[in-house]
């Protein structure tokens, strides 16, 4: 769920139209986009891992709008935006380090996002002040902090024992998945059946219902990411949604206990207003990154007190 190393908004001494050619991305571009992401987020001195292009990149290409900026040396930067209903989420904005602070970020942002007044525009900004400056100037204002939390050995006995049961859903049952997509639309604030299919098909996410005395009060997804062939791996939790604020912390705690039962370390990204945030620190969760949710609207399409987004510690999110 990490956001980019975006660029300082200073105009280049040379017109951008001369330096860069903007075009829609193609499937053949994906390996280069992965390299641009790594260069922008980690720097040229950090060795790029020998792993395939994250599937989120292809999902963004197939269901969103991905633009690239090229110069004589190849792709200098790219951006991706996904529109669901009247909400457009900026999923990616990365520029190679040698091209930053020259105005290209502003150009890519304008190309990816709809103009002001056409629905809600939002993003998860990194803590880089240049990123926040760029988004604020574009009309997306800070709404709340978003904490990426991780616990390799969580102490879940320090959390309140929830009176919530976790019931695994059958991902092959179309009616069940259609119902789950409706729950996600109601709590997540927009219809996302394509994203639900992505979580199931491309991340091997396991969907669950969260119930109390047989009544459904929420839903959650968990995907497992292994580091190497051995070891229990890391359980990536999200989205997690609850029908009411009163039940939201219990839904998170129940999901954590269910995922931890298989011996996994845990990761989730929790909005600042969410009632589960403070108790999770007592259970050994630590902040590994901090983002800021920015939006062009002061009316939240998803309530941060009862919704936790998808994502992961080394990649992009689908807020």
C-alpha atoms as a PDB file:
ATOM      1  CA  UNK A   1       0.000   0.000   0.000  1.00  0.00           C
ATOM      2  CA  UNK A   2       3.080   2.394  -0.409  1.00  0.00           C
ATOM      3  CA  UNK A   3       2.814   5.646  -2.346  1.00  0.00           C
ATOM      4  CA  UNK A   4       5.397   7.129  -4.650  1.00  0.00           C
ATOM      5  CA  UNK A   5       8.422   9.284  -4.560  1.00  0.00           C
ATOM      6  CA  UNK A   6       6.674  12.033  -6.458  1.00  0.00           C
ATOM      7  CA  UNK A   7       8.216  15.135  -7.682  1.00  0.00           C
ATOM      8  CA  UNK A   8       8.752  18.722  -6.654  1.00  0.00           C
ATOM      9  CA  UNK A   9       6.516  20.939  -8.753  1.00  0.00           C
ATOM     10  CA  UNK A  10       9.049  23.198 -10.384  1.00  0.00           C
ATOM     11  CA  UNK A  11       8.710  23.951 -14.052  1.00  0.00           C
ATOM     12  CA  UNK A  12      11.446  22.635 -16.281  1.00  0.00           C
ATOM     13  CA  UNK A  13      13.536  25.175 -18.161  1.00  0.00           C
ATOM     14  CA  UNK A  14      12.724  23.173 -21.282  1.00  0.00           C
ATOM     15  CA  UNK A  15       9.076  22.561 -22.257  1.00  0.00           C
ATOM     16  CA  UNK A  16       7.906  19.102 -21.196  1.00  0.00           C
ATOM     17  CA  UNK A  17       6.316  18.498 -24.621  1.00  0.00           C
ATOM     18  CA  UNK A  18       9.804  18.555 -26.134  1.00  0.00           C
ATOM     19  CA  UNK A  19      11.387  16.309 -23.509  1.00  0.00           C
ATOM     20  CA  UNK A  20       8.665  13.708 -23.045  1.00  0.00           C
ATOM     21  CA  UNK A  21       6.121  11.829 -25.093  1.00  0.00           C
ATOM     22  CA  UNK A  22       3.029  10.759 -23.162  1.00  0.00           C
ATOM     23  CA  UNK A  23       1.100   7.686 -24.275  1.00  0.00           C
ATOM     24  CA  UNK A  24      -1.082   4.919 -22.873  1.00  0.00           C
ATOM     25  CA  UNK A  25       0.854   1.966 -21.504  1.00  0.00           C
ATOM     26  CA  UNK A  26       0.910  -1.404 -23.253  1.00  0.00           C
ATOM     27  CA  UNK A  27       1.343  -4.918 -21.801  1.00  0.00           C
ATOM     28  CA  UNK A  28       4.907  -4.989 -23.140  1.00  0.00           C
ATOM     29  CA  UNK A  29       5.714  -1.981 -20.914  1.00  0.00           C
ATOM     30  CA  UNK A  30       5.031  -3.781 -17.627  1.00  0.00           C
ATOM     31  CA  UNK A  31       8.592  -5.013 -16.921  1.00  0.00           C
ATOM     32  CA  UNK A  32       9.926  -1.496 -17.491  1.00  0.00           C
ATOM     33  CA  UNK A  33       7.231   0.016 -15.254  1.00  0.00           C
ATOM     34  CA  UNK A  34       8.315  -2.363 -12.510  1.00  0.00           C
ATOM     35  CA  UNK A  35      11.905  -1.135 -12.928  1.00  0.00           C
ATOM     36  CA  UNK A  36      10.793   2.504 -12.838  1.00  0.00           C
ATOM     37  CA  UNK A  37       8.833   1.824  -9.646  1.00  0.00           C
ATOM     38  CA  UNK A  38      11.852   0.185  -8.023  1.00  0.00           C
ATOM     39  CA  UNK A  39      14.210   2.974  -9.063  1.00  0.00           C
ATOM     40  CA  UNK A  40      11.855   5.701  -7.801  1.00  0.00           C
ATOM     41  CA  UNK A  41      10.964   4.021  -4.532  1.00  0.00           C
ATOM     42  CA  UNK A  42      14.257   2.383  -3.575  1.00  0.00           C
ATOM     43  CA  UNK A  43      16.997   4.134  -5.502  1.00  0.00           C
ATOM     44  CA  UNK A  44      19.577   2.871  -7.993  1.00  0.00           C
ATOM     45  CA  UNK A  45      21.891   1.553  -5.270  1.00  0.00           C
ATOM     46  CA  UNK A  46      19.319  -0.959  -4.011  1.00  0.00           C
ATOM     47  CA  UNK A  47      19.396  -4.202  -5.949  1.00  0.00           C
ATOM     48  CA  UNK A  48      16.116  -4.962  -7.634  1.00  0.00           C
ATOM     49  CA  UNK A  49      14.688  -8.331  -6.559  1.00  0.00           C
ATOM     50  CA  UNK A  50      14.467 -11.099  -9.109  1.00  0.00           C
ATOM     51  CA  UNK A  51      10.698 -11.499  -8.868  1.00  0.00           C
ATOM     52  CA  UNK A  52       7.957 -11.227 -11.497  1.00  0.00           C
ATOM     53  CA  UNK A  53       6.106  -8.004 -12.179  1.00  0.00           C
ATOM     54  CA  UNK A  54       3.488  -7.630  -9.414  1.00  0.00           C
ATOM     55  CA  UNK A  55       0.052  -8.645 -10.712  1.00  0.00           C
ATOM     56  CA  UNK A  56      -1.418  -5.325  -9.547  1.00  0.00           C
ATOM     57  CA  UNK A  57       0.349  -3.622 -12.484  1.00  0.00           C
ATOM     58  CA  UNK A  58      -1.478  -5.760 -15.043  1.00  0.00           C
ATOM     59  CA  UNK A  59      -4.769  -5.299 -13.195  1.00  0.00           C
ATOM     60  CA  UNK A  60      -4.346  -1.529 -13.354  1.00  0.00           C
ATOM     61  CA  UNK A  61      -3.522  -1.756 -17.054  1.00  0.00           C
ATOM     62  CA  UNK A  62      -6.586  -3.895 -17.804  1.00  0.00           C
ATOM     63  CA  UNK A  63      -9.157  -2.122 -15.640  1.00  0.00           C
ATOM     64  CA  UNK A  64      -7.773   1.403 -15.246  1.00  0.00           C
ATOM     65  CA  UNK A  65      -5.762   4.028 -17.101  1.00  0.00           C
ATOM     66  CA  UNK A  66      -1.987   3.739 -17.177  1.00  0.00           C
ATOM     67  CA  UNK A  67       0.101   6.461 -18.830  1.00  0.00           C
ATOM     68  CA  UNK A  68       3.836   6.529 -19.473  1.00  0.00           C
ATOM     69  CA  UNK A  69       6.208   9.393 -20.216  1.00  0.00           C
ATOM     70  CA  UNK A  70       9.106   8.585 -22.520  1.00  0.00           C
ATOM     71  CA  UNK A  71      12.305  10.397 -23.390  1.00  0.00           C
ATOM     72  CA  UNK A  72      15.290   9.387 -25.504  1.00  0.00           C
ATOM     73  CA  UNK A  73      16.369   6.882 -22.831  1.00  0.00           C
ATOM     74  CA  UNK A  74      13.022   5.121 -22.483  1.00  0.00           C
ATOM     75  CA  UNK A  75      10.227   5.358 -19.924  1.00  0.00           C
ATOM     76  CA  UNK A  76      10.949   8.166 -17.460  1.00  0.00           C
ATOM     77  CA  UNK A  77       7.782   7.857 -15.385  1.00  0.00           C
ATOM     78  CA  UNK A  78       4.289   6.430 -15.262  1.00  0.00           C
ATOM     79  CA  UNK A  79       0.973   6.801 -13.515  1.00  0.00           C
ATOM     80  CA  UNK A  80      -2.106   4.642 -13.024  1.00  0.00           C
ATOM     81  CA  UNK A  81      -5.619   5.606 -11.998  1.00  0.00           C
ATOM     82  CA  UNK A  82      -8.612   3.371 -11.359  1.00  0.00           C
ATOM     83  CA  UNK A  83     -12.188   4.653 -11.534  1.00  0.00           C
ATOM     84  CA  UNK A  84     -14.965   2.798  -9.761  1.00  0.00           C
ATOM     85  CA  UNK A  85     -18.312   4.541  -9.840  1.00  0.00           C
ATOM     86  CA  UNK A  86     -17.663   8.242  -9.329  1.00  0.00           C
ATOM     87  CA  UNK A  87     -14.416   7.661  -7.381  1.00  0.00           C
ATOM     88  CA  UNK A  88     -11.017   7.797  -9.116  1.00  0.00           C
ATOM     89  CA  UNK A  89      -8.117   6.457  -7.084  1.00  0.00           C
ATOM     90  CA  UNK A  90      -4.544   7.329  -8.036  1.00  0.00           C
ATOM     91  CA  UNK A  91      -2.830   3.965  -7.651  1.00  0.00           C
ATOM     92  CA  UNK A  92       0.636   4.808  -9.022  1.00  0.00           C
ATOM     93  CA  UNK A  93       2.785   7.847  -9.737  1.00  0.00           C
ATOM     94  CA  UNK A  94       6.484   7.131 -10.132  1.00  0.00           C
ATOM     95  CA  UNK A  95       9.327   8.913 -11.891  1.00  0.00           C
ATOM     96  CA  UNK A  96      12.914   7.770 -12.179  1.00  0.00           C
ATOM     97  CA  UNK A  97      15.145   9.553  -9.694  1.00  0.00           C
ATOM     98  CA  UNK A  98      17.166  11.295 -12.362  1.00  0.00           C
ATOM     99  CA  UNK A  99      13.988  12.863 -13.809  1.00  0.00           C
ATOM    100  CA  UNK A 100      12.391  14.032 -10.566  1.00  0.00           C
ATOM    101  CA  UNK A 101      11.762  17.618  -9.443  1.00  0.00           C
ATOM    102  CA  UNK A 102      11.254  18.834 -13.017  1.00  0.00           C
ATOM    103  CA  UNK A 103       7.454  19.007 -13.297  1.00  0.00           C
ATOM    104  CA  UNK A 104       6.844  15.606 -14.859  1.00  0.00           C
ATOM    105  CA  UNK A 105       4.836  14.442 -11.835  1.00  0.00           C
ATOM    106  CA  UNK A 106       2.356  17.263 -12.293  1.00  0.00           C
ATOM    107  CA  UNK A 107       2.006  16.442 -15.995  1.00  0.00           C
ATOM    108  CA  UNK A 108       1.365  12.746 -15.322  1.00  0.00           C
ATOM    109  CA  UNK A 109      -1.109  13.540 -12.557  1.00  0.00           C
ATOM    110  CA  UNK A 110      -3.122  15.828 -14.832  1.00  0.00           C
ATOM    111  CA  UNK A 111      -3.207  13.167 -17.533  1.00  0.00           C
ATOM    112  CA  UNK A 112      -4.304  10.353 -15.206  1.00  0.00           C
ATOM    113  CA  UNK A 113      -6.966  12.068 -13.117  1.00  0.00           C
ATOM    114  CA  UNK A 114     -10.281  13.575 -14.214  1.00  0.00           C
ATOM    115  CA  UNK A 115     -10.642  17.347 -13.973  1.00  0.00           C
ATOM    116  CA  UNK A 116     -11.986  18.964 -10.842  1.00  0.00           C
ATOM    117  CA  UNK A 117     -15.701  18.599 -10.369  1.00  0.00           C
ATOM    118  CA  UNK A 118     -15.944  15.199 -12.080  1.00  0.00           C
ATOM    119  CA  UNK A 119     -16.394  12.834  -9.173  1.00  0.00           C
ATOM    120  CA  UNK A 120     -14.086  12.192  -6.242  1.00  0.00           C
ATOM    121  CA  UNK A 121     -10.323  12.072  -6.788  1.00  0.00           C
ATOM    122  CA  UNK A 122      -8.193  10.457  -4.081  1.00  0.00           C
ATOM    123  CA  UNK A 123      -4.814   8.890  -3.319  1.00  0.00           C
ATOM    124  CA  UNK A 124      -2.639   7.497  -0.563  1.00  0.00           C
ATOM    125  CA  UNK A 125       0.323   9.840  -0.410  1.00  0.00           C
ATOM    126  CA  UNK A 126       3.744   8.926   0.891  1.00  0.00           C
ATOM    127  CA  UNK A 127       5.204  10.960   3.733  1.00  0.00           C
ATOM    128  CA  UNK A 128       7.450  12.753   1.239  1.00  0.00           C
ATOM    129  CA  UNK A 129       6.399  16.431   1.529  1.00  0.00           C
ATOM    130  CA  UNK A 130       6.792  16.796  -2.232  1.00  0.00           C
ATOM    131  CA  UNK A 131       4.023  14.249  -2.736  1.00  0.00           C
ATOM    132  CA  UNK A 132       1.630  16.001  -0.385  1.00  0.00           C
ATOM    133  CA  UNK A 133       2.412  19.349  -1.975  1.00  0.00           C
ATOM    134  CA  UNK A 134       1.610  17.981  -5.421  1.00  0.00           C
ATOM    135  CA  UNK A 135      -1.699  16.481  -4.332  1.00  0.00           C
ATOM    136  CA  UNK A 136      -2.807  19.463  -2.268  1.00  0.00           C
ATOM    137  CA  UNK A 137      -2.134  21.820  -5.168  1.00  0.00           C
ATOM    138  CA  UNK A 138      -4.228  19.553  -7.402  1.00  0.00           C
ATOM    139  CA  UNK A 139      -7.182  19.863  -5.022  1.00  0.00           C
ATOM    140  CA  UNK A 140      -6.831  16.635  -3.008  1.00  0.00           C
ATOM    141  CA  UNK A 141      -6.610  17.615   0.657  1.00  0.00           C
ATOM    142  CA  UNK A 142      -5.351  15.497   3.593  1.00  0.00           C
ATOM    143  CA  UNK A 143      -8.117  13.565   5.355  1.00  0.00           C
ATOM    144  CA  UNK A 144      -6.363  11.166   7.758  1.00  0.00           C
ATOM    145  CA  UNK A 145      -3.095   9.261   8.305  1.00  0.00           C
ATOM    146  CA  UNK A 146      -2.925   5.656   7.153  1.00  0.00           C
ATOM    147  CA  UNK A 147      -0.615   3.414   9.207  1.00  0.00           C
ATOM    148  CA  UNK A 148       1.049   0.392   7.632  1.00  0.00           C
ATOM    149  CA  UNK A 149       1.434  -2.068  10.516  1.00  0.00           C
ATOM    150  CA  UNK A 150       3.318  -5.335  10.704  1.00  0.00           C
ATOM    151  CA  UNK A 151       3.886  -7.924  13.430  1.00  0.00           C
ATOM    152  CA  UNK A 152       6.010 -11.021  12.682  1.00  0.00           C
ATOM    153  CA  UNK A 153       5.079 -12.430  16.114  1.00  0.00           C
ATOM    154  CA  UNK A 154       1.901 -10.649  17.193  1.00  0.00           C
ATOM    155  CA  UNK A 155       0.789 -10.973  20.820  1.00  0.00           C
ATOM    156  CA  UNK A 156      -2.883 -11.380  20.137  1.00  0.00           C
ATOM    157  CA  UNK A 157      -3.606 -12.401  23.719  1.00  0.00           C
ATOM    158  CA  UNK A 158      -3.119  -8.699  24.519  1.00  0.00           C
ATOM    159  CA  UNK A 159      -6.207  -7.853  22.458  1.00  0.00           C
ATOM    160  CA  UNK A 160      -9.803  -8.075  23.660  1.00  0.00           C
ATOM    161  CA  UNK A 161     -11.315 -11.455  22.835  1.00  0.00           C
ATOM    162  CA  UNK A 162     -13.891 -10.709  20.123  1.00  0.00           C
ATOM    163  CA  UNK A 163     -17.308 -12.332  20.132  1.00  0.00           C
ATOM    164  CA  UNK A 164     -17.021 -12.590  16.353  1.00  0.00           C
ATOM    165  CA  UNK A 165     -16.716 -15.785  14.346  1.00  0.00           C
ATOM    166  CA  UNK A 166     -14.773 -16.096  11.086  1.00  0.00           C
ATOM    167  CA  UNK A 167     -16.566 -18.181   8.454  1.00  0.00           C
ATOM    168  CA  UNK A 168     -14.636 -18.930   5.283  1.00  0.00           C
ATOM    169  CA  UNK A 169     -16.526 -18.168   2.062  1.00  0.00           C
ATOM    170  CA  UNK A 170     -16.394 -20.369  -1.003  1.00  0.00           C
ATOM    171  CA  UNK A 171     -14.655 -18.368  -3.771  1.00  0.00           C
ATOM    172  CA  UNK A 172     -16.021 -20.738  -6.413  1.00  0.00           C
ATOM    173  CA  UNK A 173     -19.629 -19.981  -5.474  1.00  0.00           C
ATOM    174  CA  UNK A 174     -20.829 -17.168  -7.742  1.00  0.00           C
ATOM    175  CA  UNK A 175     -23.756 -16.213  -5.550  1.00  0.00           C
ATOM    176  CA  UNK A 176     -21.544 -15.997  -2.508  1.00  0.00           C
ATOM    177  CA  UNK A 177     -18.992 -13.835  -4.307  1.00  0.00           C
ATOM    178  CA  UNK A 178     -21.735 -11.600  -5.708  1.00  0.00           C
ATOM    179  CA  UNK A 179     -23.019 -11.111  -2.162  1.00  0.00           C
ATOM    180  CA  UNK A 180     -19.518 -10.371  -0.927  1.00  0.00           C
ATOM    181  CA  UNK A 181     -19.054  -7.803  -3.712  1.00  0.00           C
ATOM    182  CA  UNK A 182     -22.279  -6.113  -2.601  1.00  0.00           C
ATOM    183  CA  UNK A 183     -20.972  -5.935   0.965  1.00  0.00           C
ATOM    184  CA  UNK A 184     -17.717  -4.457  -0.283  1.00  0.00           C
ATOM    185  CA  UNK A 185     -19.609  -1.906  -2.387  1.00  0.00           C
ATOM    186  CA  UNK A 186     -21.722  -0.829   0.561  1.00  0.00           C
ATOM    187  CA  UNK A 187     -18.818  -0.477   3.013  1.00  0.00           C
ATOM    188  CA  UNK A 188     -16.038   0.441   0.559  1.00  0.00           C
ATOM    189  CA  UNK A 189     -18.189   3.085  -1.062  1.00  0.00           C
ATOM    190  CA  UNK A 190     -18.214   1.949  -4.715  1.00  0.00           C
ATOM    191  CA  UNK A 191     -18.890  -1.147  -6.804  1.00  0.00           C
ATOM    192  CA  UNK A 192     -15.681  -3.180  -7.241  1.00  0.00           C
ATOM    193  CA  UNK A 193     -16.566  -6.628  -8.534  1.00  0.00           C
ATOM    194  CA  UNK A 194     -13.530  -6.464 -10.860  1.00  0.00           C
ATOM    195  CA  UNK A 195     -11.269  -5.860  -7.886  1.00  0.00           C
ATOM    196  CA  UNK A 196     -12.875  -8.663  -5.884  1.00  0.00           C
ATOM    197  CA  UNK A 197     -12.142 -10.970  -8.822  1.00  0.00           C
ATOM    198  CA  UNK A 198      -8.544  -9.702  -8.879  1.00  0.00           C
ATOM    199  CA  UNK A 199      -8.008 -10.454  -5.186  1.00  0.00           C
ATOM    200  CA  UNK A 200      -9.368 -13.951  -5.624  1.00  0.00           C
ATOM    201  CA  UNK A 201      -7.716 -14.843  -8.935  1.00  0.00           C
ATOM    202  CA  UNK A 202      -4.394 -12.989  -8.823  1.00  0.00           C
ATOM    203  CA  UNK A 203      -3.483 -12.784  -5.132  1.00  0.00           C
ATOM    204  CA  UNK A 204      -5.062 -16.072  -4.004  1.00  0.00           C
ATOM    205  CA  UNK A 205      -6.931 -14.151  -1.341  1.00  0.00           C
ATOM    206  CA  UNK A 206      -9.171 -16.107   1.009  1.00  0.00           C
ATOM    207  CA  UNK A 207     -12.511 -14.369   1.621  1.00  0.00           C
ATOM    208  CA  UNK A 208     -14.310 -14.705   4.937  1.00  0.00           C
ATOM    209  CA  UNK A 209     -17.524 -13.581   6.540  1.00  0.00           C
ATOM    210  CA  UNK A 210     -17.443 -12.086  10.005  1.00  0.00           C
ATOM    211  CA  UNK A 211     -20.476 -13.144  12.005  1.00  0.00           C
ATOM    212  CA  UNK A 212     -21.975 -12.859  15.461  1.00  0.00           C
ATOM    213  CA  UNK A 213     -24.496 -15.493  16.547  1.00  0.00           C
ATOM    214  CA  UNK A 214     -25.095 -16.397  12.923  1.00  0.00           C
ATOM    215  CA  UNK A 215     -25.632 -12.845  11.707  1.00  0.00           C
ATOM    216  CA  UNK A 216     -23.144 -11.358   9.209  1.00  0.00           C
ATOM    217  CA  UNK A 217     -21.576  -8.147  10.491  1.00  0.00           C
ATOM    218  CA  UNK A 218     -18.584  -7.812   8.161  1.00  0.00           C
ATOM    219  CA  UNK A 219     -16.207  -9.362   5.649  1.00  0.00           C
ATOM    220  CA  UNK A 220     -12.453  -9.695   5.120  1.00  0.00           C
ATOM    221  CA  UNK A 221      -9.773 -10.953   2.745  1.00  0.00           C
ATOM    222  CA  UNK A 222      -6.412 -12.521   3.574  1.00  0.00           C
ATOM    223  CA  UNK A 223      -3.613 -13.289   1.130  1.00  0.00           C
ATOM    224  CA  UNK A 224      -0.387 -15.075   2.010  1.00  0.00           C
ATOM    225  CA  UNK A 225       2.991 -13.884   0.792  1.00  0.00           C
ATOM    226  CA  UNK A 226       5.973 -16.116   1.361  1.00  0.00           C
ATOM    227  CA  UNK A 227       9.569 -14.967   1.553  1.00  0.00           C
ATOM    228  CA  UNK A 228      11.428 -17.850   0.006  1.00  0.00           C
ATOM    229  CA  UNK A 229      10.300 -21.481  -0.014  1.00  0.00           C
ATOM    230  CA  UNK A 230      10.433 -21.978   3.740  1.00  0.00           C
ATOM    231  CA  UNK A 231       8.815 -20.200   6.628  1.00  0.00           C
ATOM    232  CA  UNK A 232       5.224 -19.387   7.473  1.00  0.00           C
ATOM    233  CA  UNK A 233       5.096 -16.213   5.384  1.00  0.00           C
ATOM    234  CA  UNK A 234       3.188 -13.004   5.997  1.00  0.00           C
ATOM    235  CA  UNK A 235      -0.602 -12.751   6.029  1.00  0.00           C
ATOM    236  CA  UNK A 236      -1.770  -9.580   4.266  1.00  0.00           C
ATOM    237  CA  UNK A 237      -5.145  -8.572   5.673  1.00  0.00           C
ATOM    238  CA  UNK A 238      -7.544  -6.349   3.778  1.00  0.00           C
ATOM    239  CA  UNK A 239      -9.938  -5.181   2.843  1.00  0.00           C
ATOM    240  CA  UNK A 240     -11.727  -5.609   6.136  1.00  0.00           C
ATOM    241  CA  UNK A 241     -15.124  -3.993   6.510  1.00  0.00           C
ATOM    242  CA  UNK A 242     -17.771  -3.940   9.204  1.00  0.00           C
ATOM    243  CA  UNK A 243     -21.401  -2.893   9.042  1.00  0.00           C
ATOM    244  CA  UNK A 244     -21.081  -0.614  12.080  1.00  0.00           C
ATOM    245  CA  UNK A 245     -18.358   1.327  13.838  1.00  0.00           C
ATOM    246  CA  UNK A 246     -19.260  -0.456  17.060  1.00  0.00           C
ATOM    247  CA  UNK A 247     -18.231  -3.807  15.535  1.00  0.00           C
ATOM    248  CA  UNK A 248     -15.231  -2.677  13.502  1.00  0.00           C
ATOM    249  CA  UNK A 249     -12.474  -3.333  16.069  1.00  0.00           C
ATOM    250  CA  UNK A 250     -13.872  -6.773  16.927  1.00  0.00           C
ATOM    251  CA  UNK A 251     -13.967  -7.658  13.218  1.00  0.00           C
ATOM    252  CA  UNK A 252     -10.281  -6.752  12.869  1.00  0.00           C
ATOM    253  CA  UNK A 253      -9.269  -8.676  15.996  1.00  0.00           C
ATOM    254  CA  UNK A 254     -11.177 -11.776  14.869  1.00  0.00           C
ATOM    255  CA  UNK A 255      -9.559 -11.637  11.430  1.00  0.00           C
ATOM    256  CA  UNK A 256      -6.104 -11.316  13.014  1.00  0.00           C
ATOM    257  CA  UNK A 257      -6.693 -14.353  15.256  1.00  0.00           C
ATOM    258  CA  UNK A 258      -7.977 -16.422  12.340  1.00  0.00           C
ATOM    259  CA  UNK A 259      -4.967 -15.572  10.126  1.00  0.00           C
ATOM    260  CA  UNK A 260      -2.486 -16.025  12.954  1.00  0.00           C
ATOM    261  CA  UNK A 261      -3.797 -19.515  13.733  1.00  0.00           C
ATOM    262  CA  UNK A 262      -1.801 -20.836  10.765  1.00  0.00           C
ATOM    263  CA  UNK A 263       1.401 -19.334  12.172  1.00  0.00           C
ATOM    264  CA  UNK A 264       1.613 -16.313   9.893  1.00  0.00           C
ATOM    265  CA  UNK A 265       3.018 -12.927  10.706  1.00  0.00           C
ATOM    266  CA  UNK A 266       0.460 -10.197  10.086  1.00  0.00           C
ATOM    267  CA  UNK A 267       0.276  -7.013   8.030  1.00  0.00           C
ATOM    268  CA  UNK A 268      -2.541  -4.512   7.626  1.00  0.00           C
ATOM    269  CA  UNK A 269      -2.873  -0.793   6.916  1.00  0.00           C
ATOM    270  CA  UNK A 270      -5.124   0.955   9.424  1.00  0.00           C
ATOM    271  CA  UNK A 271      -6.657   4.435   9.046  1.00  0.00           C
ATOM    272  CA  UNK A 272      -6.011   6.808  11.915  1.00  0.00           C
ATOM    273  CA  UNK A 273      -9.684   7.066  12.962  1.00  0.00           C
ATOM    274  CA  UNK A 274     -10.183   3.277  13.105  1.00  0.00           C
ATOM    275  CA  UNK A 275     -10.894   2.028  16.664  1.00  0.00           C
ATOM    276  CA  UNK A 276      -8.622  -1.004  16.189  1.00  0.00           C
ATOM    277  CA  UNK A 277      -5.498   1.122  15.727  1.00  0.00           C
ATOM    278  CA  UNK A 278      -4.514   1.794  19.331  1.00  0.00           C
ATOM    279  CA  UNK A 279      -5.073  -1.780  20.634  1.00  0.00           C
ATOM    280  CA  UNK A 280      -2.965  -3.242  17.813  1.00  0.00           C
ATOM    281  CA  UNK A 281       0.136  -1.484  19.154  1.00  0.00           C
ATOM    282  CA  UNK A 282      -0.242  -3.302  22.466  1.00  0.00           C
ATOM    283  CA  UNK A 283      -0.280  -6.569  20.490  1.00  0.00           C
ATOM    284  CA  UNK A 284       3.181  -5.932  19.057  1.00  0.00           C
ATOM    285  CA  UNK A 285       2.309  -4.278  15.758  1.00  0.00           C
ATOM    286  CA  UNK A 286       4.811  -1.691  14.598  1.00  0.00           C
ATOM    287  CA  UNK A 287       4.571   1.092  12.038  1.00  0.00           C
ATOM    288  CA  UNK A 288       6.595   0.229   8.948  1.00  0.00           C
ATOM    289  CA  UNK A 289       5.338   3.127   6.842  1.00  0.00           C
ATOM    290  CA  UNK A 290       2.987   6.073   7.093  1.00  0.00           C
ATOM    291  CA  UNK A 291       0.743   7.448   4.369  1.00  0.00           C
ATOM    292  CA  UNK A 292      -1.828  10.208   4.149  1.00  0.00           C
ATOM    293  CA  UNK A 293      -5.195   9.684   2.535  1.00  0.00           C
ATOM    294  CA  UNK A 294      -5.996  12.714   0.379  1.00  0.00           C
ATOM    295  CA  UNK A 295      -9.283  13.434  -1.339  1.00  0.00           C
ATOM    296  CA  UNK A 296     -10.979  16.115  -3.398  1.00  0.00           C
ATOM    297  CA  UNK A 297     -14.126  15.680  -1.288  1.00  0.00           C
ATOM    298  CA  UNK A 298     -14.717  16.339   2.399  1.00  0.00           C
ATOM    299  CA  UNK A 299     -17.378  13.614   2.400  1.00  0.00           C
ATOM    300  CA  UNK A 300     -15.817  10.171   2.820  1.00  0.00           C
ATOM    301  CA  UNK A 301     -17.086   7.527   0.406  1.00  0.00           C
ATOM    302  CA  UNK A 302     -15.720   4.881   2.796  1.00  0.00           C
ATOM    303  CA  UNK A 303     -15.850   5.382   6.553  1.00  0.00           C
ATOM    304  CA  UNK A 304     -12.254   5.079   7.886  1.00  0.00           C
ATOM    305  CA  UNK A 305     -13.662   3.944  11.237  1.00  0.00           C
ATOM    306  CA  UNK A 306     -15.007   0.714   9.743  1.00  0.00           C
ATOM    307  CA  UNK A 307     -13.000   0.080   6.583  1.00  0.00           C
ATOM    308  CA  UNK A 308      -9.403  -1.119   6.083  1.00  0.00           C
ATOM    309  CA  UNK A 309      -8.030  -1.179   2.532  1.00  0.00           C
ATOM    310  CA  UNK A 310      -6.155  -3.896   0.699  1.00  0.00           C
ATOM    311  CA  UNK A 311      -2.474  -3.662  -0.061  1.00  0.00           C
ATOM    312  CA  UNK A 312       0.901  -4.872   1.117  1.00  0.00           C
ATOM    313  CA  UNK A 313       4.223  -3.699   2.529  1.00  0.00           C
ATOM    314  CA  UNK A 314       6.042  -3.796  -0.815  1.00  0.00           C
ATOM    315  CA  UNK A 315       3.412  -2.863  -3.340  1.00  0.00           C
ATOM    316  CA  UNK A 316       0.403  -0.821  -4.278  1.00  0.00           C
ATOM    317  CA  UNK A 317      -3.028  -0.813  -2.772  1.00  0.00           C
ATOM    318  CA  UNK A 318      -6.568  -0.720  -4.092  1.00  0.00           C
ATOM    319  CA  UNK A 319      -8.086   1.691  -1.651  1.00  0.00           C
END
